[in-house]
Amino acid sequence: MVSVNDEVIHIPVIDLSNNIAQIGDLLVDAVSKWGFVFIRSVGSGFPPEIIDRTFEVVRLELWS
């Protein structure tokens, strides 16, 4: 769930700690239906700096 301009938007969340065999199918399904997906990476080894920078780039591209 994301809030943009006080509007709540529900987007698919893919948790990378799930069964790896299912992640590909989940990503394809989410992107084909919604065009966007949030990837949860708790415990996946992605440094917080990379995650923060990714969100910064998305914000600049989508809301500038």
PDB file of N, CA and C in Angstrom:
ATOM      1  N   MET A   1       0.846  -1.172   0.000  1.00  0.00           N
ATOM      2  CA  MET A   1       0.000   0.000   0.000  1.00  0.00           C
ATOM      3  C   MET A   1       0.892   1.237   0.000  1.00  0.00           C
ATOM      4  N   VAL A   2       0.556   2.190  -0.844  1.00  0.00           N
ATOM      5  CA  VAL A   2       1.308   3.428  -0.982  1.00  0.00           C
ATOM      6  C   VAL A   2       0.317   4.577  -0.944  1.00  0.00           C
ATOM      7  N   SER A   3       0.734   5.700  -0.376  1.00  0.00           N
ATOM      8  CA  SER A   3      -0.123   6.881  -0.365  1.00  0.00           C
ATOM      9  C   SER A   3       0.498   7.950  -1.257  1.00  0.00           C
ATOM     10  N   VAL A   4      -0.266   8.397  -2.256  1.00  0.00           N
ATOM     11  CA  VAL A   4       0.182   9.435  -3.174  1.00  0.00           C
ATOM     12  C   VAL A   4      -0.891  10.513  -3.183  1.00  0.00           C
ATOM     13  N   ASN A   5      -0.494  11.724  -2.789  1.00  0.00           N
ATOM     14  CA  ASN A   5      -1.448  12.838  -2.746  1.00  0.00           C
ATOM     15  C   ASN A   5      -2.715  12.461  -1.982  1.00  0.00           C
ATOM     16  N   ASP A   6      -2.529  11.841  -0.827  1.00  0.00           N
ATOM     17  CA  ASP A   6      -3.620  11.412   0.060  1.00  0.00           C
ATOM     18  C   ASP A   6      -4.500  10.315  -0.527  1.00  0.00           C
ATOM     19  N   GLU A   7      -4.126   9.737  -1.648  1.00  0.00           N
ATOM     20  CA  GLU A   7      -4.864   8.617  -2.225  1.00  0.00           C
ATOM     21  C   GLU A   7      -4.085   7.338  -1.927  1.00  0.00           C
ATOM     22  N   VAL A   8      -4.763   6.345  -1.389  1.00  0.00           N
ATOM     23  CA  VAL A   8      -4.116   5.075  -1.069  1.00  0.00           C
ATOM     24  C   VAL A   8      -4.163   4.178  -2.296  1.00  0.00           C
ATOM     25  N   ILE A   9      -3.003   3.644  -2.654  1.00  0.00           N
ATOM     26  CA  ILE A   9      -2.886   2.770  -3.813  1.00  0.00           C
ATOM     27  C   ILE A   9      -2.350   1.429  -3.323  1.00  0.00           C
ATOM     28  N   HIS A  10      -3.018   0.364  -3.675  1.00  0.00           N
ATOM     29  CA  HIS A  10      -2.576  -0.985  -3.309  1.00  0.00           C
ATOM     30  C   HIS A  10      -1.786  -1.563  -4.479  1.00  0.00           C
ATOM     31  N   ILE A  11      -0.544  -1.931  -4.217  1.00  0.00           N
ATOM     32  CA  ILE A  11       0.293  -2.518  -5.253  1.00  0.00           C
ATOM     33  C   ILE A  11       0.782  -3.882  -4.774  1.00  0.00           C
ATOM     34  N   PRO A  12       1.105  -4.775  -5.700  1.00  0.00           N
ATOM     35  CA  PRO A  12       1.601  -6.088  -5.307  1.00  0.00           C
ATOM     36  C   PRO A  12       2.948  -5.970  -4.598  1.00  0.00           C
ATOM     37  N   VAL A  13       3.156  -6.812  -3.594  1.00  0.00           N
ATOM     38  CA  VAL A  13       4.417  -6.871  -2.865  1.00  0.00           C
ATOM     39  C   VAL A  13       4.993  -8.270  -3.043  1.00  0.00           C
ATOM     40  N   ILE A  14       6.214  -8.344  -3.546  1.00  0.00           N
ATOM     41  CA  ILE A  14       6.908  -9.613  -3.712  1.00  0.00           C
ATOM     42  C   ILE A  14       7.997  -9.686  -2.646  1.00  0.00           C
ATOM     43  N   ASP A  15       7.955 -10.719  -1.832  1.00  0.00           N
ATOM     44  CA  ASP A  15       8.939 -10.912  -0.770  1.00  0.00           C
ATOM     45  C   ASP A  15      10.002 -11.886  -1.275  1.00  0.00           C
ATOM     46  N   LEU A  16      11.244 -11.409  -1.382  1.00  0.00           N
ATOM     47  CA  LEU A  16      12.326 -12.239  -1.913  1.00  0.00           C
ATOM     48  C   LEU A  16      12.703 -13.393  -1.001  1.00  0.00           C
ATOM     49  N   SER A  17      12.187 -13.401   0.225  1.00  0.00           N
ATOM     50  CA  SER A  17      12.488 -14.516   1.126  1.00  0.00           C
ATOM     51  C   SER A  17      11.551 -15.696   0.874  1.00  0.00           C
ATOM     52  N   ASN A  18      10.565 -15.520  -0.018  1.00  0.00           N
ATOM     53  CA  ASN A  18       9.651 -16.618  -0.371  1.00  0.00           C
ATOM     54  C   ASN A  18      10.379 -17.672  -1.189  1.00  0.00           C
ATOM     55  N   ASN A  19       9.686 -18.723  -1.492  1.00  0.00           N
ATOM     56  CA  ASN A  19      10.194 -19.802  -2.323  1.00  0.00           C
ATOM     57  C   ASN A  19      10.697 -19.236  -3.653  1.00  0.00           C
ATOM     58  N   ILE A  20      11.979 -19.406  -3.929  1.00  0.00           N
ATOM     59  CA  ILE A  20      12.589 -18.812  -5.123  1.00  0.00           C
ATOM     60  C   ILE A  20      11.940 -19.308  -6.410  1.00  0.00           C
ATOM     61  N   ALA A  21      11.402 -20.510  -6.408  1.00  0.00           N
ATOM     62  CA  ALA A  21      10.764 -21.042  -7.608  1.00  0.00           C
ATOM     63  C   ALA A  21       9.499 -20.258  -7.958  1.00  0.00           C
ATOM     64  N   GLN A  22       8.880 -19.615  -6.987  1.00  0.00           N
ATOM     65  CA  GLN A  22       7.648 -18.871  -7.226  1.00  0.00           C
ATOM     66  C   GLN A  22       7.881 -17.408  -7.574  1.00  0.00           C
ATOM     67  N   ILE A  23       9.049 -16.882  -7.272  1.00  0.00           N
ATOM     68  CA  ILE A  23       9.284 -15.442  -7.428  1.00  0.00           C
ATOM     69  C   ILE A  23       9.122 -14.997  -8.881  1.00  0.00           C
ATOM     70  N   GLY A  24       9.654 -15.741  -9.826  1.00  0.00           N
ATOM     71  CA  GLY A  24       9.534 -15.373 -11.236  1.00  0.00           C
ATOM     72  C   GLY A  24       8.086 -15.281 -11.673  1.00  0.00           C
ATOM     73  N   ASP A  25       7.303 -16.286 -11.312  1.00  0.00           N
ATOM     74  CA  ASP A  25       5.882 -16.275 -11.672  1.00  0.00           C
ATOM     75  C   ASP A  25       5.157 -15.119 -11.003  1.00  0.00           C
ATOM     76  N   LEU A  26       5.467 -14.852  -9.736  1.00  0.00           N
ATOM     77  CA  LEU A  26       4.833 -13.749  -9.017  1.00  0.00           C
ATOM     78  C   LEU A  26       5.168 -12.408  -9.659  1.00  0.00           C
ATOM     79  N   LEU A  27       6.425 -12.228 -10.060  1.00  0.00           N
ATOM     80  CA  LEU A  27       6.836 -10.971 -10.702  1.00  0.00           C
ATOM     81  C   LEU A  27       6.129 -10.774 -12.041  1.00  0.00           C
ATOM     82  N   VAL A  28       6.100 -11.806 -12.863  1.00  0.00           N
ATOM     83  CA  VAL A  28       5.442 -11.703 -14.165  1.00  0.00           C
ATOM     84  C   VAL A  28       3.962 -11.390 -13.980  1.00  0.00           C
ATOM     85  N   ASP A  29       3.312 -12.078 -13.054  1.00  0.00           N
ATOM     86  CA  ASP A  29       1.898 -11.847 -12.804  1.00  0.00           C
ATOM     87  C   ASP A  29       1.638 -10.417 -12.338  1.00  0.00           C
ATOM     88  N   ALA A  30       2.426  -9.951 -11.370  1.00  0.00           N
ATOM     89  CA  ALA A  30       2.225  -8.606 -10.822  1.00  0.00           C
ATOM     90  C   ALA A  30       2.463  -7.524 -11.869  1.00  0.00           C
ATOM     91  N   VAL A  31       3.531  -7.649 -12.611  1.00  0.00           N
ATOM     92  CA  VAL A  31       3.863  -6.615 -13.602  1.00  0.00           C
ATOM     93  C   VAL A  31       2.866  -6.630 -14.760  1.00  0.00           C
ATOM     94  N   SER A  32       2.436  -7.810 -15.177  1.00  0.00           N
ATOM     95  CA  SER A  32       1.494  -7.856 -16.298  1.00  0.00           C
ATOM     96  C   SER A  32       0.118  -7.335 -15.901  1.00  0.00           C
ATOM     97  N   LYS A  33      -0.285  -7.534 -14.661  1.00  0.00           N
ATOM     98  CA  LYS A  33      -1.597  -7.064 -14.213  1.00  0.00           C
ATOM     99  C   LYS A  33      -1.572  -5.616 -13.740  1.00  0.00           C
ATOM    100  N   TRP A  34      -0.499  -5.218 -13.054  1.00  0.00           N
ATOM    101  CA  TRP A  34      -0.455  -3.916 -12.402  1.00  0.00           C
ATOM    102  C   TRP A  34       0.535  -2.947 -13.042  1.00  0.00           C
ATOM    103  N   GLY A  35       1.563  -3.462 -13.720  1.00  0.00           N
ATOM    104  CA  GLY A  35       2.575  -2.596 -14.307  1.00  0.00           C
ATOM    105  C   GLY A  35       3.591  -2.096 -13.299  1.00  0.00           C
ATOM    106  N   PHE A  36       3.455  -2.557 -12.075  1.00  0.00           N
ATOM    107  CA  PHE A  36       4.358  -2.102 -11.011  1.00  0.00           C
ATOM    108  C   PHE A  36       4.361  -3.149  -9.923  1.00  0.00           C
ATOM    109  N   VAL A  37       5.460  -3.247  -9.213  1.00  0.00           N
ATOM    110  CA  VAL A  37       5.567  -4.194  -8.102  1.00  0.00           C
ATOM    111  C   VAL A  37       6.522  -3.634  -7.067  1.00  0.00           C
ATOM    112  N   PHE A  38       6.258  -3.913  -5.814  1.00  0.00           N
ATOM    113  CA  PHE A  38       7.159  -3.549  -4.724  1.00  0.00           C
ATOM    114  C   PHE A  38       7.873  -4.819  -4.310  1.00  0.00           C
ATOM    115  N   ILE A  39       9.188  -4.778  -4.280  1.00  0.00           N
ATOM    116  CA  ILE A  39       9.974  -5.945  -3.899  1.00  0.00           C
ATOM    117  C   ILE A  39      10.495  -5.743  -2.488  1.00  0.00           C
ATOM    118  N   ARG A  40      10.059  -6.627  -1.609  1.00  0.00           N
ATOM    119  CA  ARG A  40      10.520  -6.603  -0.215  1.00  0.00           C
ATOM    120  C   ARG A  40      11.808  -7.408  -0.164  1.00  0.00           C
ATOM    121  N   SER A  41      12.834  -6.836   0.415  1.00  0.00           N
ATOM    122  CA  SER A  41      14.132  -7.500   0.385  1.00  0.00           C
ATOM    123  C   SER A  41      14.734  -7.710   1.767  1.00  0.00           C
ATOM    124  N   VAL A  42      13.902  -7.864   2.772  1.00  0.00           N
ATOM    125  CA  VAL A  42      14.404  -8.088   4.132  1.00  0.00           C
ATOM    126  C   VAL A  42      15.186  -9.390   4.151  1.00  0.00           C
ATOM    127  N   GLY A  43      16.439  -9.299   4.561  1.00  0.00           N
ATOM    128  CA  GLY A  43      17.274 -10.486   4.653  1.00  0.00           C
ATOM    129  C   GLY A  43      17.804 -10.987   3.324  1.00  0.00           C
ATOM    130  N   SER A  44      17.639 -10.235   2.258  1.00  0.00           N
ATOM    131  CA  SER A  44      18.081 -10.701   0.944  1.00  0.00           C
ATOM    132  C   SER A  44      19.505 -10.272   0.611  1.00  0.00           C
ATOM    133  N   GLY A  45      20.094  -9.436   1.444  1.00  0.00           N
ATOM    134  CA  GLY A  45      21.464  -9.025   1.201  1.00  0.00           C
ATOM    135  C   GLY A  45      21.622  -7.707   0.454  1.00  0.00           C
ATOM    136  N   PHE A  46      20.507  -7.039   0.073  1.00  0.00           N
ATOM    137  CA  PHE A  46      20.624  -5.742  -0.576  1.00  0.00           C
ATOM    138  C   PHE A  46      20.950  -4.695   0.473  1.00  0.00           C
ATOM    139  N   PRO A  47      22.021  -3.916   0.295  1.00  0.00           N
ATOM    140  CA  PRO A  47      22.353  -2.870   1.262  1.00  0.00           C
ATOM    141  C   PRO A  47      21.264  -1.789   1.302  1.00  0.00           C
ATOM    142  N   PRO A  48      20.970  -1.254   2.475  1.00  0.00           N
ATOM    143  CA  PRO A  48      19.950  -0.208   2.591  1.00  0.00           C
ATOM    144  C   PRO A  48      20.204   0.983   1.674  1.00  0.00           C
ATOM    145  N   GLU A  49      21.462   1.303   1.408  1.00  0.00           N
ATOM    146  CA  GLU A  49      21.787   2.440   0.548  1.00  0.00           C
ATOM    147  C   GLU A  49      21.275   2.215  -0.878  1.00  0.00           C
ATOM    148  N   ILE A  50      21.384   0.994  -1.365  1.00  0.00           N
ATOM    149  CA  ILE A  50      20.912   0.668  -2.716  1.00  0.00           C
ATOM    150  C   ILE A  50      19.390   0.780  -2.775  1.00  0.00           C
ATOM    151  N   ILE A  51      18.730   0.292  -1.754  1.00  0.00           N
ATOM    152  CA  ILE A  51      17.265   0.363  -1.701  1.00  0.00           C
ATOM    153  C   ILE A  51      16.809   1.812  -1.641  1.00  0.00           C
ATOM    154  N   ASP A  52      17.431   2.615  -0.786  1.00  0.00           N
ATOM    155  CA  ASP A  52      17.072   4.033  -0.676  1.00  0.00           C
ATOM    156  C   ASP A  52      17.291   4.760  -1.995  1.00  0.00           C
ATOM    157  N   ARG A  53      18.396   4.494  -2.653  1.00  0.00           N
ATOM    158  CA  ARG A  53      18.701   5.146  -3.930  1.00  0.00           C
ATOM    159  C   ARG A  53      17.689   4.743  -5.003  1.00  0.00           C
ATOM    160  N   THR A  54      17.286   3.499  -4.999  1.00  0.00           N
ATOM    161  CA  THR A  54      16.295   3.030  -5.963  1.00  0.00           C
ATOM    162  C   THR A  54      14.982   3.777  -5.779  1.00  0.00           C
ATOM    163  N   PHE A  55      14.521   3.917  -4.535  1.00  0.00           N
ATOM    164  CA  PHE A  55      13.297   4.665  -4.276  1.00  0.00           C
ATOM    165  C   PHE A  55      13.443   6.125  -4.688  1.00  0.00           C
ATOM    166  N   GLU A  56      14.601   6.701  -4.461  1.00  0.00           N
ATOM    167  CA  GLU A  56      14.845   8.092  -4.856  1.00  0.00           C
ATOM    168  C   GLU A  56      14.714   8.255  -6.370  1.00  0.00           C
ATOM    169  N   VAL A  57      15.296   7.346  -7.128  1.00  0.00           N
ATOM    170  CA  VAL A  57      15.229   7.413  -8.587  1.00  0.00           C
ATOM    171  C   VAL A  57      13.785   7.257  -9.059  1.00  0.00           C
ATOM    172  N   VAL A  58      13.052   6.325  -8.474  1.00  0.00           N
ATOM    173  CA  VAL A  58      11.656   6.115  -8.868  1.00  0.00           C
ATOM    174  C   VAL A  58      10.829   7.364  -8.575  1.00  0.00           C
ATOM    175  N   ARG A  59      11.024   7.958  -7.411  1.00  0.00           N
ATOM    176  CA  ARG A  59      10.292   9.193  -7.073  1.00  0.00           C
ATOM    177  C   ARG A  59      10.582  10.293  -8.078  1.00  0.00           C
ATOM    178  N   LEU A  60      11.841  10.456  -8.441  1.00  0.00           N
ATOM    179  CA  LEU A  60      12.214  11.500  -9.402  1.00  0.00           C
ATOM    180  C   LEU A  60      11.589  11.232 -10.770  1.00  0.00           C
ATOM    181  N   GLU A  61      11.561   9.982 -11.196  1.00  0.00           N
ATOM    182  CA  GLU A  61      11.023   9.641 -12.511  1.00  0.00           C
ATOM    183  C   GLU A  61       9.505   9.740 -12.559  1.00  0.00           C
ATOM    184  N   LEU A  62       8.836   9.337 -11.486  1.00  0.00           N
ATOM    185  CA  LEU A  62       7.381   9.281 -11.512  1.00  0.00           C
ATOM    186  C   LEU A  62       6.704  10.578 -11.074  1.00  0.00           C
ATOM    187  N   TRP A  63       7.320  11.306 -10.166  1.00  0.00           N
ATOM    188  CA  TRP A  63       6.632  12.456  -9.590  1.00  0.00           C
ATOM    189  C   TRP A  63       7.376  13.777  -9.773  1.00  0.00           C
ATOM    190  N   SER A  64       8.153  13.882 -10.841  1.00  0.00           N
ATOM    191  CA  SER A  64       8.806  15.167 -11.075  1.00  0.00           C
ATOM    192  C   SER A  64       8.360  15.767 -12.382  1.00  0.00           C
TER     193      SER A  64
END
